[in-house]
C-alpha atoms as a PDB file:
ATOM      1  CA  MET A   1     -39.935   3.520   0.934  1.00  0.00           C
ATOM      2  CA  GLU A   2     -39.928   0.206  -0.864  1.00  0.00           C
ATOM      3  CA  GLN A   3     -41.518  -2.747   1.865  1.00  0.00           C
ATOM      4  CA  ALA A   4     -39.920  -6.040   1.552  1.00  0.00           C
ATOM      5  CA  ARG A   5     -43.061  -8.790   0.042  1.00  0.00           C
ATOM      6  CA  LEU A   6     -44.836  -9.770   3.157  1.00  0.00           C
ATOM      7  CA  ALA A   7     -47.156 -12.921   3.133  1.00  0.00           C
ATOM      8  CA  ASP A   8     -50.225 -13.503   5.793  1.00  0.00           C
ATOM      9  CA  ARG A   9     -49.199 -13.611   8.278  1.00  0.00           C
ATOM     10  CA  GLY A  10     -46.327 -11.298   7.868  1.00  0.00           C
ATOM     11  CA  LYS A  11     -43.449 -13.175   6.734  1.00  0.00           C
ATOM     12  CA  ARG A  12     -41.211 -12.197   4.071  1.00  0.00           C
ATOM     13  CA  VAL A  13     -41.569 -14.042   0.981  1.00  0.00           C
ATOM     14  CA  LEU A  14     -38.774 -15.741  -1.169  1.00  0.00           C
ATOM     15  CA  SER A  15     -37.604 -15.800  -4.206  1.00  0.00           C
ATOM     16  CA  ASP A  16     -37.807 -18.541  -6.067  1.00  0.00           C
ATOM     17  CA  ALA A  17     -34.018 -18.656  -5.985  1.00  0.00           C
ATOM     18  CA  GLU A  18     -33.717 -18.213  -2.017  1.00  0.00           C
ATOM     19  CA  GLN A  19     -35.915 -20.999  -1.672  1.00  0.00           C
ATOM     20  CA  ARG A  20     -34.528 -23.397  -3.528  1.00  0.00           C
ATOM     21  CA  ARG A  21     -31.688 -21.956  -1.933  1.00  0.00           C
ATOM     22  CA  ARG A  22     -32.604 -23.404   1.645  1.00  0.00           C
ATOM     23  CA  GLU A  23     -33.659 -26.052   0.864  1.00  0.00           C
ATOM     24  CA  ARG A  24     -29.535 -26.813  -0.803  1.00  0.00           C
ATOM     25  CA  ALA A  25     -29.211 -25.268   2.500  1.00  0.00           C
ATOM     26  CA  ALA A  26     -31.411 -27.491   3.746  1.00  0.00           C
ATOM     27  CA  LEU A  27     -30.769 -31.174   2.370  1.00  0.00           C
ATOM     28  CA  LYS A  28     -26.491 -30.412   3.462  1.00  0.00           C
ATOM     29  CA  LEU A  29     -28.016 -29.878   7.395  1.00  0.00           C
ATOM     30  CA  ARG A  30     -29.161 -33.315   6.509  1.00  0.00           C
ATOM     31  CA  GLU A  31     -26.696 -35.146   5.122  1.00  0.00           C
ATOM     32  CA  ASN A  32     -24.571 -34.080   8.007  1.00  0.00           C
ATOM     33  CA  LEU A  33     -26.509 -35.074  10.919  1.00  0.00           C
ATOM     34  CA  ALA A  34     -27.451 -38.592   9.668  1.00  0.00           C
ATOM     35  CA  ARG A  35     -23.470 -39.036   8.754  1.00  0.00           C
ATOM     36  CA  ARG A  36     -23.143 -37.810  12.852  1.00  0.00           C
ATOM     37  CA  LYS A  37     -25.350 -39.948  13.272  1.00  0.00           C
ATOM     38  CA  GLN A  38     -23.319 -43.076  11.992  1.00  0.00           C
ATOM     39  CA  GLN A  39     -19.767 -41.859  12.976  1.00  0.00           C
ATOM     40  CA  ALA A  40     -21.205 -42.018  16.332  1.00  0.00           C
ATOM     41  CA  ARG A  41     -23.071 -45.697  16.029  1.00  0.00           C
ATOM     42  CA  ALA A  42     -20.206 -47.176  14.684  1.00  0.00           C
ATOM     43  CA  ARG A  43     -17.661 -45.248  17.686  1.00  0.00           C
ATOM     44  CA  ARG A  44     -20.195 -46.703  20.675  1.00  0.00           C
ATOM     45  CA  ALA A  45     -20.859 -50.281  18.164  1.00  0.00           C
ATOM     46  CA  GLY A  46     -17.092 -50.352  18.402  1.00  0.00           C
ATOM     47  CA  GLU A  47     -16.481 -49.859  14.580  1.00  0.00           C
ATOM     48  CA  ALA A  48     -13.690 -48.605  11.945  1.00  0.00           C
ATOM     49  CA  GLU A  49     -15.268 -45.578   9.704  1.00  0.00           C
ATOM     50  CA  ASP A  50     -15.563 -45.689   6.486  1.00  0.00           C
ATOM     51  CA  GLY A  51     -12.637 -43.647   5.932  1.00  0.00           C
ATOM     52  CA  ILE A  52     -13.788 -40.847   4.169  1.00  0.00           C
ATOM     53  CA  GLY A  53     -12.294 -37.670   4.841  1.00  0.00           C
ATOM     54  CA  LEU A  54      -9.279 -35.574   4.295  1.00  0.00           C
ATOM     55  CA  PRO A  55      -6.319 -37.662   2.989  1.00  0.00           C
ATOM     56  CA  ALA A  56      -3.612 -37.047   4.736  1.00  0.00           C
ATOM     57  CA  ALA A  57      -5.840 -38.124   7.901  1.00  0.00           C
ATOM     58  CA  ASN A  58      -4.942 -41.397   6.622  1.00  0.00           C
ATOM     59  CA  PRO A  59      -2.197 -43.266   7.803  1.00  0.00           C
ATOM     60  CA  VAL A  60       0.579 -44.400   5.571  1.00  0.00           C
ATOM     61  CA  PRO A  61       2.525 -48.222   6.190  1.00  0.00           C
ATOM     62  CA  GLY A  62       6.239 -47.980   7.074  1.00  0.00           C
ATOM     63  CA  PRO A  63       8.118 -46.790   9.692  1.00  0.00           C
ATOM     64  CA  ALA A  64       6.725 -44.263  12.190  1.00  0.00           C
ATOM     65  CA  PRO A  65       8.619 -40.628  12.525  1.00  0.00           C
ATOM     66  CA  ASN A  66      10.545 -40.558  15.506  1.00  0.00           C
ATOM     67  CA  GLN A  67      11.198 -44.146  16.785  1.00  0.00           C
ATOM     68  CA  GLY A  68      15.246 -44.369  16.939  1.00  0.00           C
ATOM     69  CA  SER A  69      16.920 -45.191  19.740  1.00  0.00           C
ATOM     70  CA  ALA A  70      18.541 -43.047  21.351  1.00  0.00           C
ATOM     71  CA  GLY A  71      21.738 -44.543  20.668  1.00  0.00           C
ATOM     72  CA  ASP A  72      21.262 -43.727  17.311  1.00  0.00           C
ATOM     73  CA  LEU A  73      22.550 -40.891  17.406  1.00  0.00           C
ATOM     74  CA  SER A  74      25.819 -41.646  18.070  1.00  0.00           C
ATOM     75  CA  GLU A  75      28.820 -40.120  16.218  1.00  0.00           C
ATOM     76  CA  GLU A  76      32.097 -42.056  16.051  1.00  0.00           C
END
């Protein structure tokens, strides 16, 4: 059987594509960590978040749903 290529210390040698994929994944993880740290610092400082995220999470101006009083449902 053919064994995977191994480096001097017994670790598997990665192909160029696999190495680039891992580098991209590591970069994304570092960006995510930095973003989460910034969000945590902003929450501790009482600052508003930067607004980046899902559009549905942003409040829409106007009356909130189900804000009517109980008297509004009377039928005459």
